[in-house]
């Protein structure tokens, strides 16, 4: 009799699907907008400044500043492994928050034989210190400081070497690339000085796109207000103004007269273009850095002292250790 072998079917190898980071980030921003929050209006804490990594004291910039701003009362964060290294643990059920960054893969072009560098977006997860247990956090001491935000704004504008001309020719705010001119309504026509300077920062951010500066094609595309280039440039200007207001410590409240219509417009834009918010945030960061003339575009606020920890670099090996934490965030996104 012929024997039959009962072979156990081998399971096909499974390949973990790499998450669409652009979509994940966009979904977070969309969720905030749907909740009535405009993330780029004020991406910093009134007391502590921009969100920071508690262990290193380093501020998160670009899109990360917006993603983490509405992720807790205290703007300090740790990775899963950093919390363990400090002797603590992430509270069970806590939701993590994404921090995105670009990595580069190198491959050989089969036709030319030349190496090609391909940037791609990745993320790792951080947790608010409010969701970390068994660590006695030593938060920065809050001190009263004599600070004049309006004076700081004037100093930023005056110290920008190579800025465009700023005039008050018409009762309309705009930047004219052909003339390299920012026009502003008279300050007296604004309800607050903060409103005037926030608008000025918006127009100055536009001016960084001039061919002699950062050369942003979106600035002069001329494709109309319904175009993707117009949306990218406007969001870049809004985010750039936010970074500059943060650098000056300027406290700007939401002044959009029709916030509902404003939010609806951006929701439509973001749902149709998953890369829009990340591209705009990156360009806005570069614009703010240019205007400030320094890589330190952070508001002057108290920061925690750096804590030396092993393996702070989030490489692929470390990322695998975050798997459980990241899954909890993905499920909640």
C-alpha atoms as a PDB file:
ATOM      1  CA  UNK A   1       0.000   0.000   0.000  1.00  0.00           C
ATOM      2  CA  UNK A   2       1.273   3.362  -0.985  1.00  0.00           C
ATOM      3  CA  UNK A   3       1.967   5.554   1.956  1.00  0.00           C
ATOM      4  CA  UNK A   4       0.704   9.045   1.887  1.00  0.00           C
ATOM      5  CA  UNK A   5       2.656  11.690   3.638  1.00  0.00           C
ATOM      6  CA  UNK A   6       0.731  14.247   5.547  1.00  0.00           C
ATOM      7  CA  UNK A   7       2.829  17.300   4.966  1.00  0.00           C
ATOM      8  CA  UNK A   8       2.243  20.318   7.037  1.00  0.00           C
ATOM      9  CA  UNK A   9       1.698  23.231   4.735  1.00  0.00           C
ATOM     10  CA  UNK A  10       4.361  25.833   5.193  1.00  0.00           C
ATOM     11  CA  UNK A  11       3.014  29.238   5.901  1.00  0.00           C
ATOM     12  CA  UNK A  12       4.015  31.756   3.301  1.00  0.00           C
ATOM     13  CA  UNK A  13       6.507  34.211   4.684  1.00  0.00           C
ATOM     14  CA  UNK A  14       4.835  37.385   5.711  1.00  0.00           C
ATOM     15  CA  UNK A  15       6.345  40.726   4.974  1.00  0.00           C
ATOM     16  CA  UNK A  16       5.404  43.511   7.308  1.00  0.00           C
ATOM     17  CA  UNK A  17       3.768  46.250   5.335  1.00  0.00           C
ATOM     18  CA  UNK A  18       5.627  49.488   5.785  1.00  0.00           C
ATOM     19  CA  UNK A  19       3.163  52.087   7.037  1.00  0.00           C
ATOM     20  CA  UNK A  20       2.401  55.025   4.778  1.00  0.00           C
ATOM     21  CA  UNK A  21       3.956  57.676   7.001  1.00  0.00           C
ATOM     22  CA  UNK A  22       2.622  60.539   4.893  1.00  0.00           C
ATOM     23  CA  UNK A  23      -0.901  59.231   5.382  1.00  0.00           C
ATOM     24  CA  UNK A  24      -0.395  58.613   9.106  1.00  0.00           C
ATOM     25  CA  UNK A  25       0.797  62.167   9.665  1.00  0.00           C
ATOM     26  CA  UNK A  26      -1.955  63.637   7.523  1.00  0.00           C
ATOM     27  CA  UNK A  27      -4.565  61.628   9.413  1.00  0.00           C
ATOM     28  CA  UNK A  28      -3.304  63.056  12.707  1.00  0.00           C
ATOM     29  CA  UNK A  29      -3.534  66.629  11.418  1.00  0.00           C
ATOM     30  CA  UNK A  30      -6.940  65.980   9.869  1.00  0.00           C
ATOM     31  CA  UNK A  31      -8.166  64.571  13.184  1.00  0.00           C
ATOM     32  CA  UNK A  32      -7.048  67.745  14.972  1.00  0.00           C
ATOM     33  CA  UNK A  33      -8.758  69.963  12.408  1.00  0.00           C
ATOM     34  CA  UNK A  34     -11.957  67.945  12.671  1.00  0.00           C
ATOM     35  CA  UNK A  35     -11.790  68.557  16.427  1.00  0.00           C
ATOM     36  CA  UNK A  36     -11.611  72.315  15.848  1.00  0.00           C
ATOM     37  CA  UNK A  37      -7.860  72.593  16.483  1.00  0.00           C
ATOM     38  CA  UNK A  38      -5.644  74.334  13.935  1.00  0.00           C
ATOM     39  CA  UNK A  39      -2.279  72.713  14.784  1.00  0.00           C
ATOM     40  CA  UNK A  40      -0.072  75.265  13.034  1.00  0.00           C
ATOM     41  CA  UNK A  41      -1.610  78.272  14.772  1.00  0.00           C
ATOM     42  CA  UNK A  42       0.530  77.944  17.895  1.00  0.00           C
ATOM     43  CA  UNK A  43       2.957  75.005  17.930  1.00  0.00           C
ATOM     44  CA  UNK A  44       4.521  75.833  21.272  1.00  0.00           C
ATOM     45  CA  UNK A  45       3.708  75.820  24.950  1.00  0.00           C
ATOM     46  CA  UNK A  46       3.258  79.234  26.550  1.00  0.00           C
ATOM     47  CA  UNK A  47       5.574  78.294  29.435  1.00  0.00           C
ATOM     48  CA  UNK A  48       8.075  75.773  28.057  1.00  0.00           C
ATOM     49  CA  UNK A  49       8.289  76.609  24.355  1.00  0.00           C
ATOM     50  CA  UNK A  50       8.461  73.988  21.603  1.00  0.00           C
ATOM     51  CA  UNK A  51       7.951  70.278  22.398  1.00  0.00           C
ATOM     52  CA  UNK A  52      11.219  68.658  23.509  1.00  0.00           C
ATOM     53  CA  UNK A  53      12.793  65.311  24.180  1.00  0.00           C
ATOM     54  CA  UNK A  54      13.161  65.148  27.953  1.00  0.00           C
ATOM     55  CA  UNK A  55      16.355  63.071  27.861  1.00  0.00           C
ATOM     56  CA  UNK A  56      18.292  65.195  25.392  1.00  0.00           C
ATOM     57  CA  UNK A  57      16.680  68.620  25.821  1.00  0.00           C
ATOM     58  CA  UNK A  58      16.438  68.899  22.045  1.00  0.00           C
ATOM     59  CA  UNK A  59      13.363  70.564  20.582  1.00  0.00           C
ATOM     60  CA  UNK A  60      11.293  68.895  17.895  1.00  0.00           C
ATOM     61  CA  UNK A  61      11.021  71.011  14.765  1.00  0.00           C
ATOM     62  CA  UNK A  62       9.217  70.962  11.440  1.00  0.00           C
ATOM     63  CA  UNK A  63       6.079  68.840  11.311  1.00  0.00           C
ATOM     64  CA  UNK A  64       7.003  67.221  14.640  1.00  0.00           C
ATOM     65  CA  UNK A  65       6.410  70.502  16.448  1.00  0.00           C
ATOM     66  CA  UNK A  66       2.822  70.484  15.186  1.00  0.00           C
ATOM     67  CA  UNK A  67       2.241  66.769  15.792  1.00  0.00           C
ATOM     68  CA  UNK A  68       3.411  66.908  19.411  1.00  0.00           C
ATOM     69  CA  UNK A  69       1.958  70.276  20.381  1.00  0.00           C
ATOM     70  CA  UNK A  70      -1.496  68.896  21.092  1.00  0.00           C
ATOM     71  CA  UNK A  71      -0.297  65.624  22.620  1.00  0.00           C
ATOM     72  CA  UNK A  72      -0.262  66.589  26.282  1.00  0.00           C
ATOM     73  CA  UNK A  73      -0.170  69.413  28.809  1.00  0.00           C
ATOM     74  CA  UNK A  74       3.582  69.117  29.366  1.00  0.00           C
ATOM     75  CA  UNK A  75       5.595  69.370  26.110  1.00  0.00           C
ATOM     76  CA  UNK A  76       8.231  66.785  27.082  1.00  0.00           C
ATOM     77  CA  UNK A  77       8.560  63.329  25.559  1.00  0.00           C
ATOM     78  CA  UNK A  78      10.598  60.128  25.762  1.00  0.00           C
ATOM     79  CA  UNK A  79      10.909  57.099  23.541  1.00  0.00           C
ATOM     80  CA  UNK A  80       9.905  53.719  24.932  1.00  0.00           C
ATOM     81  CA  UNK A  81      13.558  52.768  25.389  1.00  0.00           C
ATOM     82  CA  UNK A  82      14.546  56.081  26.948  1.00  0.00           C
ATOM     83  CA  UNK A  83      11.832  55.620  29.570  1.00  0.00           C
ATOM     84  CA  UNK A  84      13.217  52.163  30.407  1.00  0.00           C
ATOM     85  CA  UNK A  85      16.788  53.478  30.577  1.00  0.00           C
ATOM     86  CA  UNK A  86      15.690  56.085  33.119  1.00  0.00           C
ATOM     87  CA  UNK A  87      14.144  53.355  35.261  1.00  0.00           C
ATOM     88  CA  UNK A  88      10.558  54.038  34.307  1.00  0.00           C
ATOM     89  CA  UNK A  89       7.897  52.528  32.125  1.00  0.00           C
ATOM     90  CA  UNK A  90       5.157  53.636  29.798  1.00  0.00           C
ATOM     91  CA  UNK A  91       1.755  53.538  31.439  1.00  0.00           C
ATOM     92  CA  UNK A  92      -0.319  50.611  30.214  1.00  0.00           C
ATOM     93  CA  UNK A  93      -2.759  51.712  27.531  1.00  0.00           C
ATOM     94  CA  UNK A  94      -0.918  54.958  26.828  1.00  0.00           C
ATOM     95  CA  UNK A  95      -0.963  56.145  23.252  1.00  0.00           C
ATOM     96  CA  UNK A  96       2.307  57.057  21.592  1.00  0.00           C
ATOM     97  CA  UNK A  97       2.899  59.923  19.200  1.00  0.00           C
ATOM     98  CA  UNK A  98       4.860  59.826  15.932  1.00  0.00           C
ATOM     99  CA  UNK A  99       8.128  61.638  15.324  1.00  0.00           C
ATOM    100  CA  UNK A 100       9.001  61.580  11.640  1.00  0.00           C
ATOM    101  CA  UNK A 101      12.381  61.830   9.970  1.00  0.00           C
ATOM    102  CA  UNK A 102      13.946  61.175   6.595  1.00  0.00           C
ATOM    103  CA  UNK A 103      16.313  58.321   5.913  1.00  0.00           C
ATOM    104  CA  UNK A 104      18.227  57.646   2.709  1.00  0.00           C
ATOM    105  CA  UNK A 105      18.608  54.374   0.849  1.00  0.00           C
ATOM    106  CA  UNK A 106      21.468  53.939  -1.600  1.00  0.00           C
ATOM    107  CA  UNK A 107      21.141  51.768  -4.662  1.00  0.00           C
ATOM    108  CA  UNK A 108      22.948  51.298  -7.943  1.00  0.00           C
ATOM    109  CA  UNK A 109      21.306  52.483 -11.123  1.00  0.00           C
ATOM    110  CA  UNK A 110      21.229  49.419 -13.387  1.00  0.00           C
ATOM    111  CA  UNK A 111      21.624  51.524 -16.516  1.00  0.00           C
ATOM    112  CA  UNK A 112      24.324  53.990 -15.487  1.00  0.00           C
ATOM    113  CA  UNK A 113      26.058  52.012 -12.750  1.00  0.00           C
ATOM    114  CA  UNK A 114      25.995  55.145 -10.585  1.00  0.00           C
ATOM    115  CA  UNK A 115      24.869  55.194  -6.973  1.00  0.00           C
ATOM    116  CA  UNK A 116      21.509  56.846  -6.394  1.00  0.00           C
ATOM    117  CA  UNK A 117      20.310  58.158  -3.056  1.00  0.00           C
ATOM    118  CA  UNK A 118      16.599  57.805  -2.437  1.00  0.00           C
ATOM    119  CA  UNK A 119      15.143  59.611   0.591  1.00  0.00           C
ATOM    120  CA  UNK A 120      12.198  58.006   2.331  1.00  0.00           C
ATOM    121  CA  UNK A 121      10.137  58.927   5.335  1.00  0.00           C
ATOM    122  CA  UNK A 122      10.214  56.972   8.592  1.00  0.00           C
ATOM    123  CA  UNK A 123       8.936  57.519  12.089  1.00  0.00           C
ATOM    124  CA  UNK A 124       9.428  56.348  15.634  1.00  0.00           C
ATOM    125  CA  UNK A 125       7.174  56.727  18.631  1.00  0.00           C
ATOM    126  CA  UNK A 126       7.481  58.946  21.683  1.00  0.00           C
ATOM    127  CA  UNK A 127       5.349  59.204  24.791  1.00  0.00           C
ATOM    128  CA  UNK A 128       4.396  62.207  26.863  1.00  0.00           C
ATOM    129  CA  UNK A 129       6.044  62.338  30.279  1.00  0.00           C
ATOM    130  CA  UNK A 130       2.487  62.414  31.614  1.00  0.00           C
ATOM    131  CA  UNK A 131       2.140  58.808  30.422  1.00  0.00           C
ATOM    132  CA  UNK A 132       5.403  57.545  31.942  1.00  0.00           C
ATOM    133  CA  UNK A 133       5.503  56.056  35.428  1.00  0.00           C
ATOM    134  CA  UNK A 134       8.186  55.534  38.081  1.00  0.00           C
ATOM    135  CA  UNK A 135      10.375  58.462  37.065  1.00  0.00           C
ATOM    136  CA  UNK A 136      10.761  61.533  39.243  1.00  0.00           C
ATOM    137  CA  UNK A 137      10.870  64.069  36.440  1.00  0.00           C
ATOM    138  CA  UNK A 138      12.952  67.150  37.053  1.00  0.00           C
ATOM    139  CA  UNK A 139      11.141  69.665  34.902  1.00  0.00           C
ATOM    140  CA  UNK A 140      12.717  73.049  34.189  1.00  0.00           C
ATOM    141  CA  UNK A 141      12.154  75.697  36.800  1.00  0.00           C
ATOM    142  CA  UNK A 142       9.832  78.402  35.603  1.00  0.00           C
ATOM    143  CA  UNK A 143      11.270  81.846  36.184  1.00  0.00           C
ATOM    144  CA  UNK A 144       9.719  85.205  35.545  1.00  0.00           C
ATOM    145  CA  UNK A 145      11.620  86.962  32.793  1.00  0.00           C
ATOM    146  CA  UNK A 146      11.414  90.467  31.476  1.00  0.00           C
ATOM    147  CA  UNK A 147      10.528  89.842  27.878  1.00  0.00           C
ATOM    148  CA  UNK A 148       9.067  92.101  25.235  1.00  0.00           C
ATOM    149  CA  UNK A 149       7.627  89.950  22.444  1.00  0.00           C
ATOM    150  CA  UNK A 150       6.941  92.958  20.234  1.00  0.00           C
ATOM    151  CA  UNK A 151      10.500  94.143  20.735  1.00  0.00           C
ATOM    152  CA  UNK A 152      11.691  90.636  19.849  1.00  0.00           C
ATOM    153  CA  UNK A 153       9.640  90.728  16.645  1.00  0.00           C
ATOM    154  CA  UNK A 154      11.162  94.044  15.635  1.00  0.00           C
ATOM    155  CA  UNK A 155      14.624  92.673  16.362  1.00  0.00           C
ATOM    156  CA  UNK A 156      14.000  89.609  14.182  1.00  0.00           C
ATOM    157  CA  UNK A 157      12.822  91.729  11.266  1.00  0.00           C
ATOM    158  CA  UNK A 158      15.603  94.301  11.635  1.00  0.00           C
ATOM    159  CA  UNK A 159      18.367  91.708  11.926  1.00  0.00           C
ATOM    160  CA  UNK A 160      17.369  89.783   8.793  1.00  0.00           C
ATOM    161  CA  UNK A 161      20.092  90.738   6.382  1.00  0.00           C
ATOM    162  CA  UNK A 162      18.739  90.698   2.836  1.00  0.00           C
ATOM    163  CA  UNK A 163      15.070  91.058   3.763  1.00  0.00           C
ATOM    164  CA  UNK A 164      12.643  92.510   1.222  1.00  0.00           C
ATOM    165  CA  UNK A 165      11.390  96.073   1.402  1.00  0.00           C
ATOM    166  CA  UNK A 166       8.440  96.526   3.774  1.00  0.00           C
ATOM    167  CA  UNK A 167       5.995  99.299   2.893  1.00  0.00           C
ATOM    168  CA  UNK A 168       2.447 100.401   3.675  1.00  0.00           C
ATOM    169  CA  UNK A 169       1.138 101.401   0.258  1.00  0.00           C
ATOM    170  CA  UNK A 170      -2.286  99.743   0.317  1.00  0.00           C
ATOM    171  CA  UNK A 171      -4.692  98.327   2.879  1.00  0.00           C
ATOM    172  CA  UNK A 172      -3.857  94.796   1.813  1.00  0.00           C
ATOM    173  CA  UNK A 173      -1.179  92.349   2.965  1.00  0.00           C
ATOM    174  CA  UNK A 174       0.809  90.702   0.180  1.00  0.00           C
ATOM    175  CA  UNK A 175       4.275  89.896  -1.113  1.00  0.00           C
ATOM    176  CA  UNK A 176       5.177  90.941  -4.665  1.00  0.00           C
ATOM    177  CA  UNK A 177       8.011  88.712  -5.954  1.00  0.00           C
ATOM    178  CA  UNK A 178       8.754  90.874  -9.003  1.00  0.00           C
ATOM    179  CA  UNK A 179       9.391  93.891  -6.761  1.00  0.00           C
ATOM    180  CA  UNK A 180      10.661  91.888  -3.786  1.00  0.00           C
ATOM    181  CA  UNK A 181       8.281  93.943  -1.714  1.00  0.00           C
ATOM    182  CA  UNK A 182       6.082  93.164   1.281  1.00  0.00           C
ATOM    183  CA  UNK A 183       3.091  95.442   1.567  1.00  0.00           C
ATOM    184  CA  UNK A 184       1.241  95.710   4.859  1.00  0.00           C
ATOM    185  CA  UNK A 185      -1.895  97.565   5.915  1.00  0.00           C
ATOM    186  CA  UNK A 186      -1.272 100.312   8.446  1.00  0.00           C
ATOM    187  CA  UNK A 187      -0.710  98.859  11.929  1.00  0.00           C
ATOM    188  CA  UNK A 188      -3.572 100.933  13.322  1.00  0.00           C
ATOM    189  CA  UNK A 189      -6.040  98.963  11.186  1.00  0.00           C
ATOM    190  CA  UNK A 190      -5.292  95.752  13.111  1.00  0.00           C
ATOM    191  CA  UNK A 191      -7.172  95.033  16.323  1.00  0.00           C
ATOM    192  CA  UNK A 192      -3.913  93.993  18.042  1.00  0.00           C
ATOM    193  CA  UNK A 193      -0.210  94.530  17.490  1.00  0.00           C
ATOM    194  CA  UNK A 194       0.205  90.755  17.658  1.00  0.00           C
ATOM    195  CA  UNK A 195      -2.155  90.389  14.703  1.00  0.00           C
ATOM    196  CA  UNK A 196      -0.118  92.851  12.677  1.00  0.00           C
ATOM    197  CA  UNK A 197       3.176  91.088  13.317  1.00  0.00           C
ATOM    198  CA  UNK A 198       1.769  87.604  12.742  1.00  0.00           C
ATOM    199  CA  UNK A 199       0.554  88.822   9.348  1.00  0.00           C
ATOM    200  CA  UNK A 200       3.938  90.403   8.655  1.00  0.00           C
ATOM    201  CA  UNK A 201       5.676  87.099   9.479  1.00  0.00           C
ATOM    202  CA  UNK A 202       3.312  85.356   7.055  1.00  0.00           C
ATOM    203  CA  UNK A 203       4.292  87.677   4.221  1.00  0.00           C
ATOM    204  CA  UNK A 204       7.991  87.562   5.110  1.00  0.00           C
ATOM    205  CA  UNK A 205       7.822  83.765   4.945  1.00  0.00           C
ATOM    206  CA  UNK A 206       6.418  84.115   1.423  1.00  0.00           C
ATOM    207  CA  UNK A 207       9.385  86.312   0.545  1.00  0.00           C
ATOM    208  CA  UNK A 208      11.860  83.561   1.418  1.00  0.00           C
ATOM    209  CA  UNK A 209      10.652  81.740  -1.686  1.00  0.00           C
ATOM    210  CA  UNK A 210      12.197  84.406  -3.948  1.00  0.00           C
ATOM    211  CA  UNK A 211      14.681  83.049  -6.519  1.00  0.00           C
ATOM    212  CA  UNK A 212      17.515  84.874  -4.733  1.00  0.00           C
ATOM    213  CA  UNK A 213      16.677  83.156  -1.444  1.00  0.00           C
ATOM    214  CA  UNK A 214      15.184  79.656  -1.146  1.00  0.00           C
ATOM    215  CA  UNK A 215      13.789  79.642  -4.685  1.00  0.00           C
ATOM    216  CA  UNK A 216      10.420  77.953  -4.066  1.00  0.00           C
ATOM    217  CA  UNK A 217       8.689  77.349  -7.410  1.00  0.00           C
ATOM    218  CA  UNK A 218       5.309  77.332  -5.667  1.00  0.00           C
ATOM    219  CA  UNK A 219       5.666  81.064  -4.928  1.00  0.00           C
ATOM    220  CA  UNK A 220       5.552  82.113  -8.578  1.00  0.00           C
ATOM    221  CA  UNK A 221       3.721  79.152 -10.138  1.00  0.00           C
ATOM    222  CA  UNK A 222       0.701  81.330 -10.884  1.00  0.00           C
ATOM    223  CA  UNK A 223      -1.602  78.324 -11.124  1.00  0.00           C
ATOM    224  CA  UNK A 224      -4.503  79.905  -9.263  1.00  0.00           C
ATOM    225  CA  UNK A 225      -5.985  79.623  -5.796  1.00  0.00           C
ATOM    226  CA  UNK A 226      -7.371  76.160  -6.432  1.00  0.00           C
ATOM    227  CA  UNK A 227      -3.989  74.699  -7.376  1.00  0.00           C
ATOM    228  CA  UNK A 228      -1.770  72.424  -5.286  1.00  0.00           C
ATOM    229  CA  UNK A 229       1.130  74.884  -5.602  1.00  0.00           C
ATOM    230  CA  UNK A 230      -0.969  77.697  -4.113  1.00  0.00           C
ATOM    231  CA  UNK A 231      -2.057  75.492  -1.202  1.00  0.00           C
ATOM    232  CA  UNK A 232       1.527  74.431  -0.473  1.00  0.00           C
ATOM    233  CA  UNK A 233       2.789  78.007  -0.509  1.00  0.00           C
ATOM    234  CA  UNK A 234      -0.014  79.312   1.706  1.00  0.00           C
ATOM    235  CA  UNK A 235       0.420  76.550   4.265  1.00  0.00           C
ATOM    236  CA  UNK A 236       4.196  77.129   4.199  1.00  0.00           C
ATOM    237  CA  UNK A 237       3.602  80.801   4.991  1.00  0.00           C
ATOM    238  CA  UNK A 238       1.193  79.984   7.821  1.00  0.00           C
ATOM    239  CA  UNK A 239       3.569  77.489   9.400  1.00  0.00           C
ATOM    240  CA  UNK A 240       6.580  79.741   8.903  1.00  0.00           C
ATOM    241  CA  UNK A 241       4.757  82.566  10.672  1.00  0.00           C
ATOM    242  CA  UNK A 242       4.044  80.192  13.565  1.00  0.00           C
ATOM    243  CA  UNK A 243       7.723  79.293  13.937  1.00  0.00           C
ATOM    244  CA  UNK A 244       8.683  82.978  13.876  1.00  0.00           C
ATOM    245  CA  UNK A 245       6.020  83.877  16.425  1.00  0.00           C
ATOM    246  CA  UNK A 246       7.409  81.094  18.612  1.00  0.00           C
ATOM    247  CA  UNK A 247      10.939  82.479  18.272  1.00  0.00           C
ATOM    248  CA  UNK A 248       9.712  85.892  19.404  1.00  0.00           C
ATOM    249  CA  UNK A 249       7.493  84.508  22.164  1.00  0.00           C
ATOM    250  CA  UNK A 250       4.544  86.225  20.506  1.00  0.00           C
ATOM    251  CA  UNK A 251       1.257  84.990  21.946  1.00  0.00           C
ATOM    252  CA  UNK A 252      -1.197  84.982  19.042  1.00  0.00           C
ATOM    253  CA  UNK A 253      -4.718  83.776  19.601  1.00  0.00           C
ATOM    254  CA  UNK A 254      -6.747  82.307  16.801  1.00  0.00           C
ATOM    255  CA  UNK A 255      -7.912  85.319  14.815  1.00  0.00           C
ATOM    256  CA  UNK A 256      -9.511  83.646  11.805  1.00  0.00           C
ATOM    257  CA  UNK A 257     -12.928  85.296  11.507  1.00  0.00           C
ATOM    258  CA  UNK A 258     -14.526  82.273   9.885  1.00  0.00           C
ATOM    259  CA  UNK A 259     -12.635  79.403  11.461  1.00  0.00           C
ATOM    260  CA  UNK A 260     -15.214  76.823  10.384  1.00  0.00           C
ATOM    261  CA  UNK A 261     -14.807  77.689   6.692  1.00  0.00           C
ATOM    262  CA  UNK A 262     -11.043  77.913   7.118  1.00  0.00           C
ATOM    263  CA  UNK A 263     -10.824  74.442   8.661  1.00  0.00           C
ATOM    264  CA  UNK A 264     -13.129  72.997   6.007  1.00  0.00           C
ATOM    265  CA  UNK A 265     -10.891  74.336   3.252  1.00  0.00           C
ATOM    266  CA  UNK A 266      -7.771  72.749   4.716  1.00  0.00           C
ATOM    267  CA  UNK A 267      -9.549  69.488   5.419  1.00  0.00           C
ATOM    268  CA  UNK A 268     -10.448  69.222   1.750  1.00  0.00           C
ATOM    269  CA  UNK A 269      -6.883  70.041   0.730  1.00  0.00           C
ATOM    270  CA  UNK A 270      -5.245  67.565   3.096  1.00  0.00           C
ATOM    271  CA  UNK A 271      -7.609  64.728   2.299  1.00  0.00           C
ATOM    272  CA  UNK A 272      -6.703  65.116  -1.379  1.00  0.00           C
ATOM    273  CA  UNK A 273      -2.938  65.447  -0.875  1.00  0.00           C
ATOM    274  CA  UNK A 274      -1.296  63.336   1.811  1.00  0.00           C
ATOM    275  CA  UNK A 275       2.109  64.983   1.287  1.00  0.00           C
ATOM    276  CA  UNK A 276       0.911  68.580   1.577  1.00  0.00           C
ATOM    277  CA  UNK A 277       1.333  69.118   5.311  1.00  0.00           C
ATOM    278  CA  UNK A 278       4.782  67.488   5.505  1.00  0.00           C
ATOM    279  CA  UNK A 279       6.113  69.361   2.494  1.00  0.00           C
ATOM    280  CA  UNK A 280       4.813  72.680   3.822  1.00  0.00           C
ATOM    281  CA  UNK A 281       6.237  72.121   7.313  1.00  0.00           C
ATOM    282  CA  UNK A 282       9.677  71.295   5.917  1.00  0.00           C
ATOM    283  CA  UNK A 283       9.701  74.407   3.730  1.00  0.00           C
ATOM    284  CA  UNK A 284       8.411  76.534   6.603  1.00  0.00           C
ATOM    285  CA  UNK A 285      11.236  75.360   8.859  1.00  0.00           C
ATOM    286  CA  UNK A 286      13.825  76.332   6.253  1.00  0.00           C
ATOM    287  CA  UNK A 287      12.130  79.711   5.763  1.00  0.00           C
ATOM    288  CA  UNK A 288      12.130  80.460   9.506  1.00  0.00           C
ATOM    289  CA  UNK A 289      15.773  79.418   9.798  1.00  0.00           C
ATOM    290  CA  UNK A 290      16.703  81.771   6.957  1.00  0.00           C
ATOM    291  CA  UNK A 291      14.891  84.724   8.510  1.00  0.00           C
ATOM    292  CA  UNK A 292      16.314  84.067  11.966  1.00  0.00           C
ATOM    293  CA  UNK A 293      19.804  83.616  10.553  1.00  0.00           C
ATOM    294  CA  UNK A 294      20.451  80.623  12.788  1.00  0.00           C
ATOM    295  CA  UNK A 295      19.656  76.944  13.077  1.00  0.00           C
ATOM    296  CA  UNK A 296      18.255  77.634  16.540  1.00  0.00           C
ATOM    297  CA  UNK A 297      14.763  78.817  15.749  1.00  0.00           C
ATOM    298  CA  UNK A 298      13.419  77.754  19.115  1.00  0.00           C
ATOM    299  CA  UNK A 299      11.752  80.181  21.513  1.00  0.00           C
ATOM    300  CA  UNK A 300      13.886  81.117  24.482  1.00  0.00           C
ATOM    301  CA  UNK A 301      12.349  78.914  27.142  1.00  0.00           C
ATOM    302  CA  UNK A 302      13.645  76.751  29.995  1.00  0.00           C
ATOM    303  CA  UNK A 303      14.844  73.304  28.946  1.00  0.00           C
ATOM    304  CA  UNK A 304      15.594  70.138  30.890  1.00  0.00           C
ATOM    305  CA  UNK A 305      19.200  69.192  31.383  1.00  0.00           C
ATOM    306  CA  UNK A 306      20.346  66.472  28.960  1.00  0.00           C
ATOM    307  CA  UNK A 307      20.400  62.957  30.387  1.00  0.00           C
ATOM    308  CA  UNK A 308      23.056  60.619  29.027  1.00  0.00           C
ATOM    309  CA  UNK A 309      21.439  57.428  27.829  1.00  0.00           C
ATOM    310  CA  UNK A 310      22.747  54.512  25.790  1.00  0.00           C
ATOM    311  CA  UNK A 311      21.565  53.994  22.221  1.00  0.00           C
ATOM    312  CA  UNK A 312      19.594  57.192  21.666  1.00  0.00           C
ATOM    313  CA  UNK A 313      19.851  56.816  17.905  1.00  0.00           C
ATOM    314  CA  UNK A 314      16.664  55.331  16.527  1.00  0.00           C
ATOM    315  CA  UNK A 315      18.084  52.843  14.005  1.00  0.00           C
ATOM    316  CA  UNK A 316      16.340  49.832  12.508  1.00  0.00           C
ATOM    317  CA  UNK A 317      17.374  47.545  15.381  1.00  0.00           C
ATOM    318  CA  UNK A 318      16.035  49.937  17.958  1.00  0.00           C
ATOM    319  CA  UNK A 319      12.881  50.491  15.944  1.00  0.00           C
ATOM    320  CA  UNK A 320      12.028  46.833  16.287  1.00  0.00           C
ATOM    321  CA  UNK A 321      12.031  47.259  20.040  1.00  0.00           C
ATOM    322  CA  UNK A 322       9.317  49.864  19.661  1.00  0.00           C
ATOM    323  CA  UNK A 323       7.028  47.475  17.781  1.00  0.00           C
ATOM    324  CA  UNK A 324       4.524  46.967  20.579  1.00  0.00           C
ATOM    325  CA  UNK A 325       4.352  50.673  21.354  1.00  0.00           C
ATOM    326  CA  UNK A 326       4.030  51.605  17.703  1.00  0.00           C
ATOM    327  CA  UNK A 327       1.238  49.113  17.154  1.00  0.00           C
ATOM    328  CA  UNK A 328      -0.746  50.736  19.941  1.00  0.00           C
ATOM    329  CA  UNK A 329      -0.366  54.092  18.238  1.00  0.00           C
ATOM    330  CA  UNK A 330      -1.241  52.728  14.795  1.00  0.00           C
ATOM    331  CA  UNK A 331      -4.420  51.179  16.132  1.00  0.00           C
ATOM    332  CA  UNK A 332      -5.422  54.475  17.706  1.00  0.00           C
ATOM    333  CA  UNK A 333      -4.555  56.633  14.693  1.00  0.00           C
END
